[in-house]
Amino acid sequence: MIDVIKPIPEESEQAADESYIDTTKKLWEIWNGLRK
C-alpha cells in the first residue's frame, strides 16, 4: 500500500508534486485497465 498523503517540506514540494502526478497517472492506467 502506498502512503500518498504525507506532510511535505516546502523545499521538496516540486519533487513531491511530480511523484504525486506519476502515482496518479499509474492509478488511472490501472483503473482504466480494470474498466475495459
Protein backbone atom coordinates (compact mmCIF):
# COMPACT_ATOMS: atom_id res chain seq x y z
CA MET A 1 0.00 0.00 0.00
CA ILE A 2 1.41 3.37 -0.99
CA ASP A 3 1.05 6.12 1.61
CA VAL A 4 0.33 9.06 -0.66
CA ILE A 5 -0.75 11.59 1.98
CA LYS A 6 2.28 12.87 3.89
CA PRO A 7 3.38 16.16 5.39
CA ILE A 8 5.66 17.68 2.74
CA PRO A 9 8.52 20.08 3.46
CA GLU A 10 8.20 23.10 1.16
CA GLU A 11 11.67 22.73 -0.31
CA SER A 12 10.74 19.33 -1.77
CA GLU A 13 7.28 20.43 -2.89
CA GLN A 14 8.05 20.32 -6.61
CA ALA A 15 9.56 16.83 -6.44
CA ALA A 16 6.60 15.68 -4.36
CA ASP A 17 4.19 17.11 -6.92
CA GLU A 18 5.96 15.21 -9.73
CA SER A 19 5.88 12.00 -7.69
CA TYR A 20 2.19 12.53 -6.93
CA ILE A 21 1.43 13.12 -10.62
CA ASP A 22 3.32 9.94 -11.60
CA THR A 23 1.39 7.96 -8.97
CA THR A 24 -1.91 9.43 -10.13
CA LYS A 25 -1.17 8.52 -13.76
CA LYS A 26 -0.31 4.95 -12.75
CA LEU A 27 -3.51 4.65 -10.73
CA TRP A 28 -5.52 5.96 -13.70
CA GLU A 29 -3.84 3.43 -16.00
CA ILE A 30 -4.69 0.61 -13.58
CA TRP A 31 -8.26 1.90 -13.13
CA ASN A 32 -8.82 2.25 -16.89
CA GLY A 33 -7.38 -1.24 -17.37
CA LEU A 34 -9.84 -2.67 -14.86
CA ARG A 35 -12.78 -0.99 -16.58
CA LYS A 36 -12.08 -2.46 -20.02
